[in-house]
Amino acid sequence: YLQMNNLKPEDTAVYYCAARAGVSL
């Protein structure tokens, strides 16, 4: 999930989720 509060006009975008296999973030 991505909880987005106090949204601003500059937050306007297409949001993508992604998955990563690996050791680190």
PDB file of all heavy atoms in Angstrom:
ATOM      1  N   TYR A   1       0.830  -1.200   0.000  1.00  0.00           N
ATOM      2  CA  TYR A   1       0.000   0.000   0.000  1.00  0.00           C
ATOM      3  C   TYR A   1       0.867   1.254   0.000  1.00  0.00           C
ATOM      4  O   TYR A   1       2.012   1.232   0.456  1.00  0.00           O
ATOM      5  CB  TYR A   1      -0.893   0.033   1.244  1.00  0.00           C
ATOM      6  CG  TYR A   1      -1.799  -1.158   1.388  1.00  0.00           C
ATOM      7  CD1 TYR A   1      -1.451  -2.233   2.198  1.00  0.00           C
ATOM      8  CD2 TYR A   1      -3.014  -1.215   0.712  1.00  0.00           C
ATOM      9  CE1 TYR A   1      -2.272  -3.337   2.334  1.00  0.00           C
ATOM     10  CE2 TYR A   1      -3.849  -2.312   0.838  1.00  0.00           C
ATOM     11  CZ  TYR A   1      -3.470  -3.368   1.649  1.00  0.00           C
ATOM     12  OH  TYR A   1      -4.296  -4.449   1.771  1.00  0.00           O
ATOM     13  N   LEU A   2       0.271   2.318  -0.490  1.00  0.00           N
ATOM     14  CA  LEU A   2       0.895   3.631  -0.356  1.00  0.00           C
ATOM     15  C   LEU A   2      -0.193   4.590   0.110  1.00  0.00           C
ATOM     16  O   LEU A   2      -1.084   4.952  -0.661  1.00  0.00           O
ATOM     17  CB  LEU A   2       1.493   4.110  -1.679  1.00  0.00           C
ATOM     18  CG  LEU A   2       2.262   5.429  -1.583  1.00  0.00           C
ATOM     19  CD1 LEU A   2       3.551   5.235  -0.760  1.00  0.00           C
ATOM     20  CD2 LEU A   2       2.604   5.964  -2.979  1.00  0.00           C
ATOM     21  N   GLN A   3      -0.127   4.959   1.380  1.00  0.00           N
ATOM     22  CA  GLN A   3      -1.058   5.929   1.935  1.00  0.00           C
ATOM     23  C   GLN A   3      -0.504   7.325   1.680  1.00  0.00           C
ATOM     24  O   GLN A   3       0.605   7.642   2.105  1.00  0.00           O
ATOM     25  CB  GLN A   3      -1.238   5.709   3.437  1.00  0.00           C
ATOM     26  CG  GLN A   3      -2.124   6.725   4.116  1.00  0.00           C
ATOM     27  CD  GLN A   3      -3.562   6.646   3.677  1.00  0.00           C
ATOM     28  OE1 GLN A   3      -4.114   5.551   3.546  1.00  0.00           O
ATOM     29  NE2 GLN A   3      -4.193   7.791   3.445  1.00  0.00           N
ATOM     30  N   MET A   4      -1.268   8.136   0.979  1.00  0.00           N
ATOM     31  CA  MET A   4      -0.816   9.468   0.597  1.00  0.00           C
ATOM     32  C   MET A   4      -1.705  10.505   1.261  1.00  0.00           C
ATOM     33  O   MET A   4      -2.915  10.559   0.992  1.00  0.00           O
ATOM     34  CB  MET A   4      -0.854   9.622  -0.925  1.00  0.00           C
ATOM     35  CG  MET A   4      -0.093   8.530  -1.664  1.00  0.00           C
ATOM     36  SD  MET A   4      -0.032   8.797  -3.448  1.00  0.00           S
ATOM     37  CE  MET A   4      -1.752   8.607  -3.855  1.00  0.00           C
ATOM     38  N   ASN A   5      -1.125  11.289   2.133  1.00  0.00           N
ATOM     39  CA  ASN A   5      -1.851  12.341   2.845  1.00  0.00           C
ATOM     40  C   ASN A   5      -1.357  13.715   2.406  1.00  0.00           C
ATOM     41  O   ASN A   5      -0.248  13.853   1.892  1.00  0.00           O
ATOM     42  CB  ASN A   5      -1.666  12.188   4.349  1.00  0.00           C
ATOM     43  CG  ASN A   5      -2.229  10.886   4.882  1.00  0.00           C
ATOM     44  OD1 ASN A   5      -3.190  10.339   4.342  1.00  0.00           O
ATOM     45  ND2 ASN A   5      -1.628  10.382   5.948  1.00  0.00           N
ATOM     46  N   ASN A   6      -2.196  14.706   2.640  1.00  0.00           N
ATOM     47  CA  ASN A   6      -1.831  16.089   2.319  1.00  0.00           C
ATOM     48  C   ASN A   6      -1.290  16.191   0.888  1.00  0.00           C
ATOM     49  O   ASN A   6      -0.205  16.738   0.655  1.00  0.00           O
ATOM     50  CB  ASN A   6      -0.803  16.615   3.318  1.00  0.00           C
ATOM     51  CG  ASN A   6      -0.568  18.109   3.189  1.00  0.00           C
ATOM     52  OD1 ASN A   6      -1.412  18.835   2.665  1.00  0.00           O
ATOM     53  ND2 ASN A   6       0.581  18.563   3.646  1.00  0.00           N
ATOM     54  N   LEU A   7      -2.053  15.662  -0.027  1.00  0.00           N
ATOM     55  CA  LEU A   7      -1.602  15.644  -1.416  1.00  0.00           C
ATOM     56  C   LEU A   7      -1.477  17.051  -1.989  1.00  0.00           C
ATOM     57  O   LEU A   7      -2.240  17.959  -1.634  1.00  0.00           O
ATOM     58  CB  LEU A   7      -2.567  14.819  -2.264  1.00  0.00           C
ATOM     59  CG  LEU A   7      -2.388  13.297  -2.106  1.00  0.00           C
ATOM     60  CD1 LEU A   7      -3.628  12.557  -2.554  1.00  0.00           C
ATOM     61  CD2 LEU A   7      -1.163  12.842  -2.888  1.00  0.00           C
ATOM     62  N   LYS A   8      -0.507  17.197  -2.863  1.00  0.00           N
ATOM     63  CA  LYS A   8      -0.218  18.479  -3.503  1.00  0.00           C
ATOM     64  C   LYS A   8      -0.347  18.327  -5.021  1.00  0.00           C
ATOM     65  O   LYS A   8      -0.175  17.216  -5.544  1.00  0.00           O
ATOM     66  CB  LYS A   8       1.202  18.920  -3.147  1.00  0.00           C
ATOM     67  CG  LYS A   8       1.472  19.033  -1.653  1.00  0.00           C
ATOM     68  CD  LYS A   8       2.923  19.372  -1.383  1.00  0.00           C
ATOM     69  CE  LYS A   8       3.206  19.457   0.109  1.00  0.00           C
ATOM     70  NZ  LYS A   8       4.623  19.797   0.390  1.00  0.00           N
ATOM     71  N   PRO A   9      -0.590  19.410  -5.734  1.00  0.00           N
ATOM     72  CA  PRO A   9      -0.683  19.313  -7.197  1.00  0.00           C
ATOM     73  C   PRO A   9       0.570  18.687  -7.817  1.00  0.00           C
ATOM     74  O   PRO A   9       0.456  17.970  -8.817  1.00  0.00           O
ATOM     75  CB  PRO A   9      -0.856  20.770  -7.626  1.00  0.00           C
ATOM     76  CG  PRO A   9      -1.555  21.408  -6.467  1.00  0.00           C
ATOM     77  CD  PRO A   9      -0.964  20.746  -5.250  1.00  0.00           C
ATOM     78  N   GLU A  10       1.721  18.907  -7.235  1.00  0.00           N
ATOM     79  CA  GLU A  10       2.958  18.328  -7.777  1.00  0.00           C
ATOM     80  C   GLU A  10       3.065  16.827  -7.568  1.00  0.00           C
ATOM     81  O   GLU A  10       3.983  16.199  -8.076  1.00  0.00           O
ATOM     82  CB  GLU A  10       4.192  19.032  -7.200  1.00  0.00           C
ATOM     83  CG  GLU A  10       4.220  19.112  -5.688  1.00  0.00           C
ATOM     84  CD  GLU A  10       3.707  20.440  -5.159  1.00  0.00           C
ATOM     85  OE1 GLU A  10       2.682  20.948  -5.683  1.00  0.00           O
ATOM     86  OE2 GLU A  10       4.332  20.969  -4.212  1.00  0.00           O
ATOM     87  N   ASP A  11       2.116  16.242  -6.836  1.00  0.00           N
ATOM     88  CA  ASP A  11       2.065  14.786  -6.690  1.00  0.00           C
ATOM     89  C   ASP A  11       1.330  14.137  -7.865  1.00  0.00           C
ATOM     90  O   ASP A  11       1.281  12.910  -7.958  1.00  0.00           O
ATOM     91  CB  ASP A  11       1.352  14.401  -5.391  1.00  0.00           C
ATOM     92  CG  ASP A  11       2.124  14.824  -4.146  1.00  0.00           C
ATOM     93  OD1 ASP A  11       3.359  14.687  -4.137  1.00  0.00           O
ATOM     94  OD2 ASP A  11       1.472  15.291  -3.185  1.00  0.00           O
ATOM     95  N   THR A  12       0.762  14.942  -8.735  1.00  0.00           N
ATOM     96  CA  THR A  12       0.053  14.410  -9.900  1.00  0.00           C
ATOM     97  C   THR A  12       0.998  13.598 -10.777  1.00  0.00           C
ATOM     98  O   THR A  12       2.045  14.097 -11.204  1.00  0.00           O
ATOM     99  CB  THR A  12      -0.568  15.555 -10.717  1.00  0.00           C
ATOM    100  OG1 THR A  12      -1.575  16.201  -9.921  1.00  0.00           O
ATOM    101  CG2 THR A  12      -1.188  15.034 -12.001  1.00  0.00           C
ATOM    102  N   ALA A  13       0.628  12.348 -11.032  1.00  0.00           N
ATOM    103  CA  ALA A  13       1.489  11.440 -11.802  1.00  0.00           C
ATOM    104  C   ALA A  13       0.784  10.101 -11.944  1.00  0.00           C
ATOM    105  O   ALA A  13      -0.223   9.836 -11.276  1.00  0.00           O
ATOM    106  CB  ALA A  13       2.831  11.245 -11.109  1.00  0.00           C
ATOM    107  N   VAL A  14       1.334   9.274 -12.797  1.00  0.00           N
ATOM    108  CA  VAL A  14       0.976   7.859 -12.818  1.00  0.00           C
ATOM    109  C   VAL A  14       1.885   7.160 -11.813  1.00  0.00           C
ATOM    110  O   VAL A  14       3.106   7.314 -11.866  1.00  0.00           O
ATOM    111  CB  VAL A  14       1.146   7.239 -14.215  1.00  0.00           C
ATOM    112  CG1 VAL A  14       0.852   5.743 -14.168  1.00  0.00           C
ATOM    113  CG2 VAL A  14       0.235   7.941 -15.216  1.00  0.00           C
ATOM    114  N   TYR A  15       1.275   6.436 -10.910  1.00  0.00           N
ATOM    115  CA  TYR A  15       2.010   5.748  -9.854  1.00  0.00           C
ATOM    116  C   TYR A  15       2.129   4.267 -10.199  1.00  0.00           C
ATOM    117  O   TYR A  15       1.142   3.616 -10.553  1.00  0.00           O
ATOM    118  CB  TYR A  15       1.304   5.922  -8.513  1.00  0.00           C
ATOM    119  CG  TYR A  15       1.543   7.285  -7.912  1.00  0.00           C
ATOM    120  CD1 TYR A  15       0.951   8.418  -8.470  1.00  0.00           C
ATOM    121  CD2 TYR A  15       2.381   7.456  -6.814  1.00  0.00           C
ATOM    122  CE1 TYR A  15       1.185   9.680  -7.940  1.00  0.00           C
ATOM    123  CE2 TYR A  15       2.616   8.716  -6.274  1.00  0.00           C
ATOM    124  CZ  TYR A  15       2.015   9.826  -6.849  1.00  0.00           C
ATOM    125  OH  TYR A  15       2.250  11.073  -6.322  1.00  0.00           O
ATOM    126  N   TYR A  16       3.339   3.761 -10.080  1.00  0.00           N
ATOM    127  CA  TYR A  16       3.639   2.368 -10.383  1.00  0.00           C
ATOM    128  C   TYR A  16       4.159   1.657  -9.137  1.00  0.00           C
ATOM    129  O   TYR A  16       4.976   2.213  -8.403  1.00  0.00           O
ATOM    130  CB  TYR A  16       4.717   2.275 -11.463  1.00  0.00           C
ATOM    131  CG  TYR A  16       4.350   2.889 -12.786  1.00  0.00           C
ATOM    132  CD1 TYR A  16       4.611   4.229 -13.047  1.00  0.00           C
ATOM    133  CD2 TYR A  16       3.746   2.126 -13.789  1.00  0.00           C
ATOM    134  CE1 TYR A  16       4.281   4.799 -14.267  1.00  0.00           C
ATOM    135  CE2 TYR A  16       3.422   2.682 -15.010  1.00  0.00           C
ATOM    136  CZ  TYR A  16       3.685   4.027 -15.238  1.00  0.00           C
ATOM    137  OH  TYR A  16       3.362   4.574 -16.444  1.00  0.00           O
ATOM    138  N   CYS A  17       3.706   0.433  -8.951  1.00  0.00           N
ATOM    139  CA  CYS A  17       4.328  -0.389  -7.928  1.00  0.00           C
ATOM    140  C   CYS A  17       5.282  -1.363  -8.617  1.00  0.00           C
ATOM    141  O   CYS A  17       5.118  -1.695  -9.791  1.00  0.00           O
ATOM    142  CB  CYS A  17       3.297  -1.142  -7.091  1.00  0.00           C
ATOM    143  SG  CYS A  17       2.267  -2.320  -7.980  1.00  0.00           S
ATOM    144  N   ALA A  18       6.277  -1.786  -7.871  1.00  0.00           N
ATOM    145  CA  ALA A  18       7.315  -2.641  -8.423  1.00  0.00           C
ATOM    146  C   ALA A  18       7.839  -3.585  -7.348  1.00  0.00           C
ATOM    147  O   ALA A  18       7.773  -3.271  -6.154  1.00  0.00           O
ATOM    148  CB  ALA A  18       8.460  -1.784  -8.971  1.00  0.00           C
ATOM    149  N   ALA A  19       8.356  -4.707  -7.799  1.00  0.00           N
ATOM    150  CA  ALA A  19       8.901  -5.715  -6.895  1.00  0.00           C
ATOM    151  C   ALA A  19      10.359  -5.982  -7.255  1.00  0.00           C
ATOM    152  O   ALA A  19      10.725  -6.036  -8.427  1.00  0.00           O
ATOM    153  CB  ALA A  19       8.090  -7.001  -6.981  1.00  0.00           C
ATOM    154  N   ARG A  20      11.137  -6.144  -6.208  1.00  0.00           N
ATOM    155  CA  ARG A  20      12.580  -6.339  -6.382  1.00  0.00           C
ATOM    156  C   ARG A  20      13.034  -7.575  -5.621  1.00  0.00           C
ATOM    157  O   ARG A  20      12.758  -7.712  -4.422  1.00  0.00           O
ATOM    158  CB  ARG A  20      13.340  -5.121  -5.861  1.00  0.00           C
ATOM    159  CG  ARG A  20      14.831  -5.311  -5.665  1.00  0.00           C
ATOM    160  CD  ARG A  20      15.471  -4.018  -5.162  1.00  0.00           C
ATOM    161  NE  ARG A  20      16.820  -4.251  -4.653  1.00  0.00           N
ATOM    162  CZ  ARG A  20      17.881  -4.425  -5.404  1.00  0.00           C
ATOM    163  NH1 ARG A  20      17.775  -4.376  -6.714  1.00  0.00           N
ATOM    164  NH2 ARG A  20      19.064  -4.632  -4.854  1.00  0.00           N
ATOM    165  N   ALA A  21      13.717  -8.447  -6.337  1.00  0.00           N
ATOM    166  CA  ALA A  21      14.359  -9.597  -5.694  1.00  0.00           C
ATOM    167  C   ALA A  21      15.810  -9.226  -5.454  1.00  0.00           C
ATOM    168  O   ALA A  21      16.498  -8.818  -6.368  1.00  0.00           O
ATOM    169  CB  ALA A  21      14.264 -10.824  -6.590  1.00  0.00           C
ATOM    170  N   GLY A  22      16.256  -9.319  -4.256  1.00  0.00           N
ATOM    171  CA  GLY A  22      17.629  -8.959  -3.966  1.00  0.00           C
ATOM    172  C   GLY A  22      17.830  -8.801  -2.480  1.00  0.00           C
ATOM    173  O   GLY A  22      16.897  -8.925  -1.696  1.00  0.00           O
ATOM    174  N   VAL A  23      19.046  -8.492  -2.122  1.00  0.00           N
ATOM    175  CA  VAL A  23      19.393  -8.402  -0.718  1.00  0.00           C
ATOM    176  C   VAL A  23      18.940  -7.084  -0.114  1.00  0.00           C
ATOM    177  O   VAL A  23      18.407  -7.033   0.998  1.00  0.00           O
ATOM    178  CB  VAL A  23      20.914  -8.579  -0.523  1.00  0.00           C
ATOM    179  CG1 VAL A  23      21.287  -8.338   0.928  1.00  0.00           C
ATOM    180  CG2 VAL A  23      21.340  -9.959  -0.976  1.00  0.00           C
ATOM    181  N   SER A  24      19.126  -6.011  -0.850  1.00  0.00           N
ATOM    182  CA  SER A  24      18.926  -4.688  -0.274  1.00  0.00           C
ATOM    183  C   SER A  24      17.768  -3.939  -0.926  1.00  0.00           C
ATOM    184  O   SER A  24      17.321  -4.277  -2.018  1.00  0.00           O
ATOM    185  CB  SER A  24      20.206  -3.863  -0.430  1.00  0.00           C
ATOM    186  OG  SER A  24      20.512  -3.717  -1.804  1.00  0.00           O
ATOM    187  N   LEU A  25      17.310  -2.906  -0.244  1.00  0.00           N
ATOM    188  CA  LEU A  25      16.335  -1.993  -0.833  1.00  0.00           C
ATOM    189  C   LEU A  25      17.012  -1.177  -1.928  1.00  0.00           C
ATOM    190  O   LEU A  25      18.234  -1.035  -1.952  1.00  0.00           O
ATOM    191  CB  LEU A  25      15.784  -1.063   0.247  1.00  0.00           C
ATOM    192  CG  LEU A  25      14.890  -1.699   1.315  1.00  0.00           C
ATOM    193  CD1 LEU A  25      14.594  -0.691   2.414  1.00  0.00           C
ATOM    194  CD2 LEU A  25      13.609  -2.204   0.702  1.00  0.00           C
TER     195      LEU A  25
END
